[in-house]
C-alpha atoms as a PDB file:
ATOM      1  CA  MET A   1       3.415-233.357 -97.493  1.00  0.00           C
ATOM      2  CA  ARG A   2       6.499-231.169 -97.830  1.00  0.00           C
ATOM      3  CA  ARG A   3       5.983-227.996 -99.841  1.00  0.00           C
ATOM      4  CA  LEU A   4       9.142-226.711-101.501  1.00  0.00           C
ATOM      5  CA  ALA A   5       9.584-223.297-103.028  1.00  0.00           C
ATOM      6  CA  ILE A   6      10.243-223.277-106.792  1.00  0.00           C
ATOM      7  CA  LEU A   7      12.751-220.511-107.429  1.00  0.00           C
ATOM      8  CA  THR A   8      15.239-219.560-110.131  1.00  0.00           C
ATOM      9  CA  VAL A   9      18.554-217.771-110.298  1.00  0.00           C
ATOM     10  CA  VAL A  10      16.714-214.879-111.930  1.00  0.00           C
ATOM     11  CA  ALA A  11      15.581-213.819-108.453  1.00  0.00           C
ATOM     12  CA  LEU A  12      19.146-212.755-107.711  1.00  0.00           C
ATOM     13  CA  THR A  13      19.529-210.524-110.758  1.00  0.00           C
ATOM     14  CA  LEU A  14      16.904-207.931-109.856  1.00  0.00           C
ATOM     15  CA  THR A  15      18.180-204.380-109.376  1.00  0.00           C
ATOM     16  CA  LEU A  16      17.702-202.259-106.300  1.00  0.00           C
ATOM     17  CA  ALA A  17      14.740-199.933-106.052  1.00  0.00           C
ATOM     18  CA  PRO A  18      15.317-196.615-107.911  1.00  0.00           C
ATOM     19  CA  HIS A  19      15.710-194.557-104.746  1.00  0.00           C
ATOM     20  CA  ALA A  20      17.678-197.111-102.743  1.00  0.00           C
ATOM     21  CA  GLN A  21      20.885-195.809-101.244  1.00  0.00           C
ATOM     22  CA  ALA A  22      24.025-197.145-102.916  1.00  0.00           C
ATOM     23  CA  SER A  23      25.659-199.992-101.031  1.00  0.00           C
ATOM     24  CA  PRO A  24      29.205-199.671 -99.654  1.00  0.00           C
ATOM     25  CA  GLU A  25      32.087-200.900-101.777  1.00  0.00           C
ATOM     26  CA  VAL A  26      34.077-203.759-100.307  1.00  0.00           C
ATOM     27  CA  SER A  27      37.639-204.736-101.223  1.00  0.00           C
ATOM     28  CA  VAL A  28      40.409-206.992 -99.955  1.00  0.00           C
ATOM     29  CA  SER A  29      42.828-205.040 -97.773  1.00  0.00           C
ATOM     30  CA  ARG A  30      45.364-207.645 -96.673  1.00  0.00           C
ATOM     31  CA  THR A  31      45.859-211.146 -95.351  1.00  0.00           C
ATOM     32  CA  ILE A  32      45.957-211.195 -91.561  1.00  0.00           C
ATOM     33  CA  ALA A  33      46.786-214.854 -90.904  1.00  0.00           C
ATOM     34  CA  THR A  34      47.694-217.964 -92.893  1.00  0.00           C
ATOM     35  CA  GLY A  35      48.227-221.665 -92.316  1.00  0.00           C
ATOM     36  CA  LEU A  36      45.193-222.233 -90.086  1.00  0.00           C
ATOM     37  CA  THR A  37      43.555-225.660 -89.788  1.00  0.00           C
ATOM     38  CA  SER A  38      39.780-225.723 -90.362  1.00  0.00           C
ATOM     39  CA  PRO A  39      39.122-222.341 -88.661  1.00  0.00           C
ATOM     40  CA  TRP A  40      35.462-221.835 -87.750  1.00  0.00           C
ATOM     41  CA  GLY A  41      34.486-219.254 -85.092  1.00  0.00           C
ATOM     42  CA  LEU A  42      35.832-215.731 -84.514  1.00  0.00           C
ATOM     43  CA  ASP A  43      35.253-212.957 -81.983  1.00  0.00           C
ATOM     44  CA  PHE A  44      37.234-209.936 -80.867  1.00  0.00           C
ATOM     45  CA  LEU A  45      38.939-208.829 -77.664  1.00  0.00           C
ATOM     46  CA  PRO A  46      38.884-205.168 -76.601  1.00  0.00           C
ATOM     47  CA  ASP A  47      42.440-204.554 -77.893  1.00  0.00           C
ATOM     48  CA  GLY A  48      41.432-205.502 -81.453  1.00  0.00           C
ATOM     49  CA  SER A  49      42.995-208.950 -81.465  1.00  0.00           C
ATOM     50  CA  ALA A  50      40.752-211.904 -82.242  1.00  0.00           C
ATOM     51  CA  LEU A  51      40.072-215.339 -80.841  1.00  0.00           C
ATOM     52  CA  VAL A  52      39.562-218.045 -83.454  1.00  0.00           C
ATOM     53  CA  THR A  53      38.490-221.673 -83.068  1.00  0.00           C
ATOM     54  CA  GLU A  54      39.825-224.536 -85.162  1.00  0.00           C
ATOM     55  CA  ARG A  55      37.127-227.136 -85.719  1.00  0.00           C
ATOM     56  CA  ASP A  56      39.323-230.193 -86.137  1.00  0.00           C
ATOM     57  CA  THR A  57      42.178-229.453 -83.710  1.00  0.00           C
ATOM     58  CA  GLY A  58      40.012-228.138 -80.856  1.00  0.00           C
ATOM     59  CA  ARG A  59      42.382-225.214 -80.413  1.00  0.00           C
ATOM     60  CA  ILE A  60      41.592-221.590 -79.619  1.00  0.00           C
ATOM     61  CA  LEU A  61      43.998-219.163 -81.278  1.00  0.00           C
ATOM     62  CA  ARG A  62      44.703-215.519 -80.543  1.00  0.00           C
ATOM     63  CA  ILE A  63      45.505-213.395 -83.598  1.00  0.00           C
ATOM     64  CA  ASP A  64      47.042-209.934 -83.224  1.00  0.00           C
ATOM     65  CA  PRO A  65      46.579-207.820 -86.384  1.00  0.00           C
ATOM     66  CA  ARG A  66      49.283-205.380 -85.224  1.00  0.00           C
ATOM     67  CA  LYS A  67      51.913-208.033 -85.898  1.00  0.00           C
ATOM     68  CA  ASN A  68      52.985-209.428 -89.246  1.00  0.00           C
ATOM     69  CA  SER A  69      51.298-212.517 -90.654  1.00  0.00           C
ATOM     70  CA  GLY A  70      53.335-215.543 -89.641  1.00  0.00           C
ATOM     71  CA  SER A  71      54.199-214.205 -86.197  1.00  0.00           C
ATOM     72  CA  ASN A  72      50.798-213.011 -84.997  1.00  0.00           C
ATOM     73  CA  VAL A  73      49.123-216.333 -84.113  1.00  0.00           C
ATOM     74  CA  THR A  74      49.439-217.835 -80.628  1.00  0.00           C
ATOM     75  CA  VAL A  75      47.668-220.881 -79.201  1.00  0.00           C
ATOM     76  CA  LEU A  76      45.744-220.190 -75.982  1.00  0.00           C
ATOM     77  CA  GLY A  77      44.881-223.838 -75.431  1.00  0.00           C
ATOM     78  CA  THR A  78      42.815-226.814 -76.540  1.00  0.00           C
ATOM     79  CA  VAL A  79      39.199-227.312 -75.505  1.00  0.00           C
ATOM     80  CA  PRO A  80      38.915-230.643 -73.635  1.00  0.00           C
ATOM     81  CA  GLY A  81      36.451-233.186 -74.966  1.00  0.00           C
ATOM     82  CA  SER A  82      36.045-231.532 -78.352  1.00  0.00           C
ATOM     83  CA  THR A  83      35.580-234.350 -80.861  1.00  0.00           C
ATOM     84  CA  PRO A  84      35.790-233.584 -84.578  1.00  0.00           C
ATOM     85  CA  ASP A  85      33.385-235.625 -86.679  1.00  0.00           C
ATOM     86  CA  GLY A  86      32.450-234.453 -90.168  1.00  0.00           C
ATOM     87  CA  GLU A  87      30.935-230.988 -89.672  1.00  0.00           C
ATOM     88  CA  GLY A  88      31.249-231.270 -85.875  1.00  0.00           C
ATOM     89  CA  GLY A  89      34.082-230.216 -83.606  1.00  0.00           C
ATOM     90  CA  LEU A  90      35.022-226.898 -82.011  1.00  0.00           C
ATOM     91  CA  LEU A  91      32.687-224.431 -83.706  1.00  0.00           C
ATOM     92  CA  GLY A  92      31.422-221.029 -82.557  1.00  0.00           C
ATOM     93  CA  ILE A  93      33.019-218.693 -80.012  1.00  0.00           C
ATOM     94  CA  ALA A  94      31.777-215.578 -78.200  1.00  0.00           C
ATOM     95  CA  VAL A  95      33.834-213.292 -75.956  1.00  0.00           C
ATOM     96  CA  SER A  96      31.951-212.164 -72.837  1.00  0.00           C
ATOM     97  CA  PRO A  97      31.113-208.440 -72.537  1.00  0.00           C
ATOM     98  CA  LYS A  98      33.767-208.043 -69.826  1.00  0.00           C
ATOM     99  CA  ALA A  99      36.269-210.087 -71.883  1.00  0.00           C
ATOM    100  CA  ASP A 100      37.011-212.242 -68.847  1.00  0.00           C
ATOM    101  CA  SER A 101      35.752-215.469 -70.416  1.00  0.00           C
ATOM    102  CA  VAL A 102      34.741-217.068 -73.689  1.00  0.00           C
ATOM    103  CA  TYR A 103      31.800-219.272 -74.564  1.00  0.00           C
ATOM    104  CA  VAL A 104      32.231-221.981 -77.173  1.00  0.00           C
ATOM    105  CA  TYR A 105      29.961-224.409 -78.974  1.00  0.00           C
ATOM    106  CA  THR A 106      31.594-227.800 -79.358  1.00  0.00           C
ATOM    107  CA  THR A 107      30.842-231.365 -80.359  1.00  0.00           C
ATOM    108  CA  THR A 108      31.707-234.147 -77.907  1.00  0.00           C
ATOM    109  CA  LYS A 109      31.376-237.912 -78.243  1.00  0.00           C
ATOM    110  CA  SER A 110      27.789-237.730 -77.028  1.00  0.00           C
ATOM    111  CA  ASP A 111      26.337-234.306 -77.851  1.00  0.00           C
ATOM    112  CA  ASN A 112      26.817-230.702 -78.862  1.00  0.00           C
ATOM    113  CA  ARG A 113      27.224-228.354 -75.908  1.00  0.00           C
ATOM    114  CA  VAL A 114      28.062-224.833 -74.795  1.00  0.00           C
ATOM    115  CA  LEU A 115      31.057-224.305 -72.501  1.00  0.00           C
ATOM    116  CA  ARG A 116      32.237-221.316 -70.485  1.00  0.00           C
ATOM    117  CA  ILE A 117      36.031-220.907 -70.321  1.00  0.00           C
ATOM    118  CA  PRO A 118      37.798-218.223 -68.243  1.00  0.00           C
ATOM    119  CA  LEU A 119      40.430-216.093 -69.946  1.00  0.00           C
ATOM    120  CA  LEU A 120      43.487-215.903 -67.712  1.00  0.00           C
ATOM    121  CA  GLU A 121      46.603-213.739 -67.563  1.00  0.00           C
ATOM    122  CA  ASN A 122      45.354-210.964 -69.829  1.00  0.00           C
ATOM    123  CA  ALA A 123      43.753-213.456 -72.218  1.00  0.00           C
ATOM    124  CA  THR A 124      46.970-215.352 -72.859  1.00  0.00           C
ATOM    125  CA  ARG A 125      45.726-218.750 -71.667  1.00  0.00           C
ATOM    126  CA  LEU A 126      42.525-220.628 -70.922  1.00  0.00           C
ATOM    127  CA  GLY A 127      41.079-221.657 -67.576  1.00  0.00           C
ATOM    128  CA  LYS A 128      38.954-224.706 -66.818  1.00  0.00           C
ATOM    129  CA  ALA A 129      35.986-225.261 -69.100  1.00  0.00           C
ATOM    130  CA  THR A 130      32.522-225.561 -67.526  1.00  0.00           C
ATOM    131  CA  PRO A 131      29.503-226.903 -69.466  1.00  0.00           C
ATOM    132  CA  ILE A 132      26.494-224.593 -69.218  1.00  0.00           C
ATOM    133  CA  LEU A 133      24.207-226.276 -71.779  1.00  0.00           C
ATOM    134  CA  THR A 134      24.416-229.935 -72.799  1.00  0.00           C
ATOM    135  CA  GLY A 135      22.297-232.443 -74.669  1.00  0.00           C
ATOM    136  CA  ILE A 136      22.093-230.696 -78.047  1.00  0.00           C
ATOM    137  CA  PRO A 137      21.764-233.531 -80.594  1.00  0.00           C
ATOM    138  CA  LYS A 138      24.870-234.152 -82.699  1.00  0.00           C
ATOM    139  CA  ALA A 139      25.625-235.874 -85.985  1.00  0.00           C
ATOM    140  CA  SER A 140      28.317-235.872 -88.629  1.00  0.00           C
ATOM    141  CA  VAL A 141      26.317-233.102 -90.383  1.00  0.00           C
ATOM    142  CA  HIS A 142      23.895-230.327 -89.401  1.00  0.00           C
ATOM    143  CA  ASN A 143      25.346-229.339 -86.032  1.00  0.00           C
ATOM    144  CA  GLY A 144      24.691-225.595 -86.324  1.00  0.00           C
ATOM    145  CA  GLY A 145      27.295-224.049 -84.051  1.00  0.00           C
ATOM    146  CA  ARG A 146      27.180-220.259 -84.150  1.00  0.00           C
ATOM    147  CA  ILE A 147      27.044-218.485 -80.776  1.00  0.00           C
ATOM    148  CA  ILE A 148      26.841-214.734 -80.108  1.00  0.00           C
ATOM    149  CA  PHE A 149      25.892-212.320 -77.332  1.00  0.00           C
ATOM    150  CA  ASP A 150      22.679-210.326 -77.636  1.00  0.00           C
ATOM    151  CA  PRO A 151      22.436-206.636 -76.606  1.00  0.00           C
ATOM    152  CA  GLN A 152      21.161-207.690 -73.147  1.00  0.00           C
ATOM    153  CA  GLY A 153      24.194-209.864 -72.420  1.00  0.00           C
ATOM    154  CA  ASN A 154      22.502-213.210 -73.040  1.00  0.00           C
ATOM    155  CA  LEU A 155      23.731-215.896 -75.411  1.00  0.00           C
ATOM    156  CA  VAL A 156      22.081-216.763 -78.714  1.00  0.00           C
ATOM    157  CA  VAL A 157      22.935-220.266 -79.917  1.00  0.00           C
ATOM    158  CA  ALA A 158      22.217-221.819 -83.337  1.00  0.00           C
ATOM    159  CA  THR A 159      21.671-225.579 -83.568  1.00  0.00           C
ATOM    160  CA  GLY A 160      21.112-227.912 -86.523  1.00  0.00           C
ATOM    161  CA  ASP A 161      18.604-230.705 -86.970  1.00  0.00           C
ATOM    162  CA  ALA A 162      21.363-233.343 -86.577  1.00  0.00           C
ATOM    163  CA  ALA A 163      20.105-234.909 -89.820  1.00  0.00           C
ATOM    164  CA  ILE A 164      16.821-235.917 -88.109  1.00  0.00           C
ATOM    165  CA  GLU A 165      14.384-233.536 -89.788  1.00  0.00           C
ATOM    166  CA  GLU A 166      11.452-233.989 -87.430  1.00  0.00           C
ATOM    167  CA  LEU A 167      13.478-232.697 -84.469  1.00  0.00           C
ATOM    168  CA  SER A 168      13.219-229.154 -85.860  1.00  0.00           C
ATOM    169  CA  GLN A 169       9.468-229.085 -85.121  1.00  0.00           C
ATOM    170  CA  ASN A 170       9.729-230.987 -81.829  1.00  0.00           C
ATOM    171  CA  PRO A 171       9.477-228.481 -78.935  1.00  0.00           C
ATOM    172  CA  ALA A 172      11.109-230.975 -76.571  1.00  0.00           C
ATOM    173  CA  SER A 173      14.312-231.127 -78.637  1.00  0.00           C
ATOM    174  CA  LEU A 174      17.135-228.568 -78.755  1.00  0.00           C
ATOM    175  CA  ALA A 175      17.870-229.509 -82.378  1.00  0.00           C
ATOM    176  CA  GLY A 176      16.879-227.313 -85.320  1.00  0.00           C
ATOM    177  CA  LYS A 177      16.421-224.281 -83.102  1.00  0.00           C
ATOM    178  CA  VAL A 178      17.857-220.893 -82.244  1.00  0.00           C
ATOM    179  CA  LEU A 179      18.221-220.790 -78.465  1.00  0.00           C
ATOM    180  CA  ARG A 180      18.486-217.876 -76.043  1.00  0.00           C
ATOM    181  CA  ILE A 181      20.091-218.580 -72.667  1.00  0.00           C
ATOM    182  CA  THR A 182      21.828-216.756 -69.846  1.00  0.00           C
ATOM    183  CA  THR A 183      25.551-217.063 -69.272  1.00  0.00           C
ATOM    184  CA  ASP A 184      24.709-219.773 -66.717  1.00  0.00           C
ATOM    185  CA  GLY A 185      22.777-221.740 -69.332  1.00  0.00           C
ATOM    186  CA  LYS A 186      19.292-220.937 -68.034  1.00  0.00           C
ATOM    187  CA  PRO A 187      16.448-220.196 -70.482  1.00  0.00           C
ATOM    188  CA  VAL A 188      15.584-216.581 -71.244  1.00  0.00           C
ATOM    189  CA  GLY A 189      11.847-217.086 -71.127  1.00  0.00           C
ATOM    190  CA  PRO A 190       9.814-220.237 -70.482  1.00  0.00           C
ATOM    191  CA  THR A 191      12.122-222.432 -72.600  1.00  0.00           C
ATOM    192  CA  PRO A 192      15.532-222.037 -74.232  1.00  0.00           C
ATOM    193  CA  THR A 193      13.908-221.995 -77.681  1.00  0.00           C
ATOM    194  CA  PHE A 194      13.732-218.571 -79.328  1.00  0.00           C
ATOM    195  CA  SER A 195      12.740-219.854 -82.784  1.00  0.00           C
ATOM    196  CA  LEU A 196      12.214-223.268 -84.366  1.00  0.00           C
ATOM    197  CA  GLY A 197      11.799-224.998 -87.712  1.00  0.00           C
ATOM    198  CA  HIS A 198      15.439-224.609 -88.747  1.00  0.00           C
ATOM    199  CA  ARG A 199      17.520-227.056 -90.767  1.00  0.00           C
ATOM    200  CA  ASN A 200      21.068-225.864 -90.077  1.00  0.00           C
ATOM    201  CA  VAL A 201      21.681-222.280 -88.952  1.00  0.00           C
ATOM    202  CA  GLN A 202      25.363-221.288 -89.012  1.00  0.00           C
ATOM    203  CA  GLY A 203      25.096-217.498 -89.118  1.00  0.00           C
ATOM    204  CA  LEU A 204      23.732-215.065 -86.508  1.00  0.00           C
ATOM    205  CA  ALA A 205      23.986-211.277 -86.327  1.00  0.00           C
ATOM    206  CA  PHE A 206      22.111-208.275 -84.918  1.00  0.00           C
ATOM    207  CA  ASP A 207      21.181-205.187 -86.930  1.00  0.00           C
ATOM    208  CA  SER A 208      21.497-201.620 -85.639  1.00  0.00           C
ATOM    209  CA  ALA A 209      18.070-201.780 -83.960  1.00  0.00           C
ATOM    210  CA  GLY A 210      18.764-205.063 -82.199  1.00  0.00           C
ATOM    211  CA  GLY A 211      16.902-207.251 -84.698  1.00  0.00           C
ATOM    212  CA  LEU A 212      18.237-210.789 -85.042  1.00  0.00           C
ATOM    213  CA  TRP A 213      19.104-212.296 -88.433  1.00  0.00           C
ATOM    214  CA  ALA A 214      20.158-215.840 -89.323  1.00  0.00           C
ATOM    215  CA  SER A 215      21.495-217.642 -92.370  1.00  0.00           C
ATOM    216  CA  GLU A 216      20.292-221.177 -93.036  1.00  0.00           C
ATOM    217  CA  PHE A 217      21.339-224.014 -95.330  1.00  0.00           C
ATOM    218  CA  GLY A 218      18.657-225.397 -97.587  1.00  0.00           C
ATOM    219  CA  ALA A 219      18.475-228.999 -98.727  1.00  0.00           C
ATOM    220  CA  ARG A 220      17.842-228.709-102.462  1.00  0.00           C
ATOM    221  CA  ASP A 221      15.797-225.682-103.395  1.00  0.00           C
ATOM    222  CA  ALA A 222      16.743-222.579-101.418  1.00  0.00           C
ATOM    223  CA  ASP A 223      19.191-221.228 -98.850  1.00  0.00           C
ATOM    224  CA  GLU A 224      17.737-218.559 -96.595  1.00  0.00           C
ATOM    225  CA  LEU A 225      18.405-215.290 -94.803  1.00  0.00           C
ATOM    226  CA  ASN A 226      15.785-214.987 -92.054  1.00  0.00           C
ATOM    227  CA  TYR A 227      14.683-212.264 -89.676  1.00  0.00           C
ATOM    228  CA  LEU A 228      14.061-214.067 -86.383  1.00  0.00           C
ATOM    229  CA  VAL A 229      11.236-213.334 -83.979  1.00  0.00           C
ATOM    230  CA  ARG A 230      10.442-215.005 -80.672  1.00  0.00           C
ATOM    231  CA  ASN A 231       8.433-218.193 -81.166  1.00  0.00           C
ATOM    232  CA  GLY A 232       8.759-217.837 -84.933  1.00  0.00           C
ATOM    233  CA  ASN A 233       8.479-221.090 -86.876  1.00  0.00           C
ATOM    234  CA  TYR A 234      10.576-221.119 -90.075  1.00  0.00           C
ATOM    235  CA  GLY A 235       9.026-224.233 -91.530  1.00  0.00           C
ATOM    236  CA  TRP A 236      11.663-226.927 -91.875  1.00  0.00           C
ATOM    237  CA  PRO A 237      11.086-229.709 -92.860  1.00  0.00           C
ATOM    238  CA  GLU A 238       7.619-228.828 -94.195  1.00  0.00           C
ATOM    239  CA  VAL A 239       8.814-225.790 -96.144  1.00  0.00           C
ATOM    240  CA  GLU A 240      12.122-224.868 -97.770  1.00  0.00           C
ATOM    241  CA  GLY A 241      12.350-221.305 -99.051  1.00  0.00           C
ATOM    242  CA  THR A 242       9.301-219.101 -99.617  1.00  0.00           C
ATOM    243  CA  ASP A 243       5.809-220.548 -99.397  1.00  0.00           C
ATOM    244  CA  ARG A 244       3.056-217.930 -99.294  1.00  0.00           C
ATOM    245  CA  THR A 245       0.369-220.576 -98.717  1.00  0.00           C
ATOM    246  CA  SER A 246       1.624-221.658 -95.301  1.00  0.00           C
ATOM    247  CA  SER A 247       1.598-220.061 -91.861  1.00  0.00           C
ATOM    248  CA  PHE A 248       5.373-220.450 -91.489  1.00  0.00           C
ATOM    249  CA  ARG A 249       7.607-217.386 -91.588  1.00  0.00           C
ATOM    250  CA  ASN A 250       9.244-216.805 -94.957  1.00  0.00           C
ATOM    251  CA  PRO A 251      12.868-215.776 -95.561  1.00  0.00           C
ATOM    252  CA  GLU A 252      13.695-212.152 -96.322  1.00  0.00           C
ATOM    253  CA  ALA A 253      16.248-213.207 -98.947  1.00  0.00           C
ATOM    254  CA  GLU A 254      17.101-216.548-100.514  1.00  0.00           C
ATOM    255  CA  TRP A 255      19.432-218.211-102.965  1.00  0.00           C
ATOM    256  CA  SER A 256      18.335-220.803-105.495  1.00  0.00           C
ATOM    257  CA  PRO A 257      19.816-223.211-106.318  1.00  0.00           C
ATOM    258  CA  THR A 258      21.736-223.872-103.119  1.00  0.00           C
ATOM    259  CA  SER A 259      25.033-224.115-105.025  1.00  0.00           C
ATOM    260  CA  LEU A 260      24.979-220.301-105.211  1.00  0.00           C
ATOM    261  CA  ALA A 261      25.536-219.934-101.502  1.00  0.00           C
ATOM    262  CA  SER A 262      25.450-222.600 -98.764  1.00  0.00           C
ATOM    263  CA  PRO A 263      25.583-219.688 -96.305  1.00  0.00           C
ATOM    264  CA  SER A 264      27.577-219.954 -93.112  1.00  0.00           C
ATOM    265  CA  GLY A 265      28.589-216.897 -91.082  1.00  0.00           C
ATOM    266  CA  ILE A 266      26.977-213.477 -91.441  1.00  0.00           C
ATOM    267  CA  ALA A 267      27.986-209.993 -90.334  1.00  0.00           C
ATOM    268  CA  ILE A 268      25.886-206.832 -90.311  1.00  0.00           C
ATOM    269  CA  LEU A 269      27.584-203.478 -90.840  1.00  0.00           C
ATOM    270  CA  ASP A 270      25.663-200.249 -91.505  1.00  0.00           C
ATOM    271  CA  ASP A 271      22.508-202.328 -91.961  1.00  0.00           C
ATOM    272  CA  HIS A 272      23.977-204.382 -94.774  1.00  0.00           C
ATOM    273  CA  ALA A 273      24.285-208.106 -94.177  1.00  0.00           C
ATOM    274  CA  TYR A 274      27.426-209.818 -95.437  1.00  0.00           C
ATOM    275  CA  VAL A 275      27.009-213.559 -95.907  1.00  0.00           C
ATOM    276  CA  ALA A 276      29.998-215.911 -96.231  1.00  0.00           C
ATOM    277  CA  SER A 277      29.134-218.792 -98.538  1.00  0.00           C
ATOM    278  CA  LEU A 278      30.785-222.188 -98.744  1.00  0.00           C
ATOM    279  CA  ARG A 279      29.726-223.792-102.027  1.00  0.00           C
ATOM    280  CA  GLY A 280      29.161-220.373-103.587  1.00  0.00           C
ATOM    281  CA  GLU A 281      32.694-219.248-102.602  1.00  0.00           C
ATOM    282  CA  VAL A 282      31.667-215.572-102.466  1.00  0.00           C
ATOM    283  CA  VAL A 283      30.520-212.983 -99.955  1.00  0.00           C
ATOM    284  CA  TRP A 284      26.963-211.848-100.590  1.00  0.00           C
ATOM    285  CA  GLN A 285      26.077-208.263 -99.682  1.00  0.00           C
ATOM    286  CA  VAL A 286      22.401-207.886 -98.726  1.00  0.00           C
ATOM    287  CA  PRO A 287      20.917-204.416 -98.016  1.00  0.00           C
ATOM    288  CA  LEU A 288      18.458-204.602 -95.126  1.00  0.00           C
ATOM    289  CA  THR A 289      15.241-202.583 -95.159  1.00  0.00           C
ATOM    290  CA  GLY A 290      12.816-201.402 -92.494  1.00  0.00           C
ATOM    291  CA  VAL A 291      15.386-201.848 -89.732  1.00  0.00           C
ATOM    292  CA  GLY A 292      13.789-201.015 -86.397  1.00  0.00           C
ATOM    293  CA  GLY A 293      10.314-200.939 -87.943  1.00  0.00           C
ATOM    294  CA  SER A 294       7.395-203.326 -88.038  1.00  0.00           C
ATOM    295  CA  ASP A 295       8.285-204.870 -91.403  1.00  0.00           C
ATOM    296  CA  PRO A 296      12.019-205.559 -91.718  1.00  0.00           C
ATOM    297  CA  GLY A 297      13.184-207.058 -94.981  1.00  0.00           C
ATOM    298  CA  ALA A 298      16.041-207.327 -97.427  1.00  0.00           C
ATOM    299  CA  ARG A 299      16.801-206.340-101.000  1.00  0.00           C
ATOM    300  CA  THR A 300      18.411-208.482-103.660  1.00  0.00           C
ATOM    301  CA  PRO A 301      21.740-210.084-102.655  1.00  0.00           C
ATOM    302  CA  ARG A 302      24.817-209.022-104.627  1.00  0.00           C
ATOM    303  CA  ALA A 303      27.946-211.156-104.997  1.00  0.00           C
ATOM    304  CA  LEU A 304      31.074-209.176-104.118  1.00  0.00           C
ATOM    305  CA  LYS A 305      34.119-209.462-106.381  1.00  0.00           C
ATOM    306  CA  LEU A 306      36.904-210.325-103.951  1.00  0.00           C
ATOM    307  CA  GLY A 307      38.989-212.736-106.018  1.00  0.00           C
ATOM    308  CA  ASP A 308      39.369-216.497-105.770  1.00  0.00           C
ATOM    309  CA  LEU A 309      39.322-217.213-102.031  1.00  0.00           C
ATOM    310  CA  GLY A 310      37.591-220.606-102.119  1.00  0.00           C
ATOM    311  CA  ARG A 311      35.085-221.694 -99.500  1.00  0.00           C
ATOM    312  CA  LEU A 312      34.152-219.001 -96.981  1.00  0.00           C
ATOM    313  CA  ARG A 313      33.088-219.889 -93.439  1.00  0.00           C
ATOM    314  CA  THR A 314      32.904-216.849 -91.157  1.00  0.00           C
ATOM    315  CA  ILE A 315      32.723-213.078 -91.468  1.00  0.00           C
ATOM    316  CA  GLU A 316      32.722-210.636 -88.554  1.00  0.00           C
ATOM    317  CA  PRO A 317      32.890-206.834 -88.125  1.00  0.00           C
ATOM    318  CA  ALA A 318      36.171-205.766 -86.524  1.00  0.00           C
ATOM    319  CA  PRO A 319      36.504-202.911 -84.005  1.00  0.00           C
ATOM    320  CA  ASP A 320      38.221-200.725 -86.644  1.00  0.00           C
ATOM    321  CA  GLY A 321      35.236-200.872 -89.022  1.00  0.00           C
ATOM    322  CA  SER A 322      36.649-203.509 -91.333  1.00  0.00           C
ATOM    323  CA  LEU A 323      35.388-207.054 -91.867  1.00  0.00           C
ATOM    324  CA  TRP A 324      37.414-210.174 -91.125  1.00  0.00           C
ATOM    325  CA  LEU A 325      36.717-213.121 -93.408  1.00  0.00           C
ATOM    326  CA  ILE A 326      37.716-216.737 -92.704  1.00  0.00           C
ATOM    327  CA  THR A 327      38.289-219.197 -95.554  1.00  0.00           C
ATOM    328  CA  SER A 328      37.339-222.864 -95.160  1.00  0.00           C
ATOM    329  CA  ASN A 329      39.435-224.792 -97.666  1.00  0.00           C
ATOM    330  CA  THR A 330      40.964-227.262 -95.193  1.00  0.00           C
ATOM    331  CA  ASP A 331      37.591-228.508 -93.945  1.00  0.00           C
ATOM    332  CA  GLY A 332      37.698-231.693 -96.033  1.00  0.00           C
ATOM    333  CA  ARG A 333      35.500-230.320 -98.812  1.00  0.00           C
ATOM    334  CA  GLY A 334      37.680-227.558-100.200  1.00  0.00           C
ATOM    335  CA  ASP A 335      40.759-227.339-102.402  1.00  0.00           C
ATOM    336  CA  PRO A 336      43.383-225.771-100.122  1.00  0.00           C
ATOM    337  CA  GLY A 337      46.115-223.565-101.502  1.00  0.00           C
ATOM    338  CA  PRO A 338      49.614-223.292-100.014  1.00  0.00           C
ATOM    339  CA  ARG A 339      48.594-220.543 -97.534  1.00  0.00           C
ATOM    340  CA  ASP A 340      45.203-221.923 -96.494  1.00  0.00           C
ATOM    341  CA  ASP A 341      43.337-221.524 -94.403  1.00  0.00           C
ATOM    342  CA  ARG A 342      43.490-217.732 -94.159  1.00  0.00           C
ATOM    343  CA  ILE A 343      41.902-214.734 -92.481  1.00  0.00           C
ATOM    344  CA  ILE A 344      41.376-211.829 -94.884  1.00  0.00           C
ATOM    345  CA  ARG A 345      40.746-208.196 -93.905  1.00  0.00           C
ATOM    346  CA  LEU A 346      38.106-206.454 -95.996  1.00  0.00           C
ATOM    347  CA  THR A 347      37.818-202.668 -96.259  1.00  0.00           C
ATOM    348  CA  VAL A 348      34.289-201.236 -96.412  1.00  0.00           C
ATOM    349  CA  ARG A 349      33.819-197.789 -97.961  1.00  0.00           C
END
């Protein structure tokens, strides 16, 4: 029998502990890019420019913040075989530590997969794509899609349950998992699975001590921010949200009802997590506690007042200490304005 956490919005209104350090103030600095089509993934090159994926066009864009908006977006190429379908398409992107290639998570006609693509001519065009991990179950919803490098130079890959709930607890399936693989697609450890029992993880980030955090969409009762440990089981579909009676790992922060968040990308800066939310249409700032210790956790999430930006898909720390935030109003579920979709620069003080 599924056990679901019974939570209320009141959980989000608690104040910080009396001696907690004040959180940084975050404000909108400027708009970096406009007119993008269903942008999804973002990562940075060493010169401060960014590579961005477009879910529905299959394109990888390069965005140079030193140029004016309107003239700072160039198309590096289109990822072959990328097949948009509902929430699927060209999703996450990660630039290799040497910035000589990118890794992308994409939906094809038959599966979700991870590709390696060389960056050629000073990262001005793409080379030939090579699959390194295939066979991740796909569907029109719950494809996961975030991909990042860990501090050891391996890839961490978030998958969804592909709308087949039982796959999340099936050790033989790549669905509903967070995977850890080498840049050749080989498992780091006995299997590719780092953690299991996930419904649809779309946010991954490391804290200052190398701890891994993930955001996860709930079904009805609670969205989650989880601290991930190897072989950790996060309960889906048996548990959604906190359940102290089970042996599953509980979230460190959660949102209830799910209309408050629907969390996608997350960024961690100065041990504060910043969570981009789709239905909630806000960025949530979450102070992290016990970083580097035996009992990491999180304090109460706070909604940042950034204006009416609509649905928010991805947030990433930039090399200059700012945050870049991607809107998601052209994804088929939003209400796009005349300049959507956009990338917004946020100043953190």
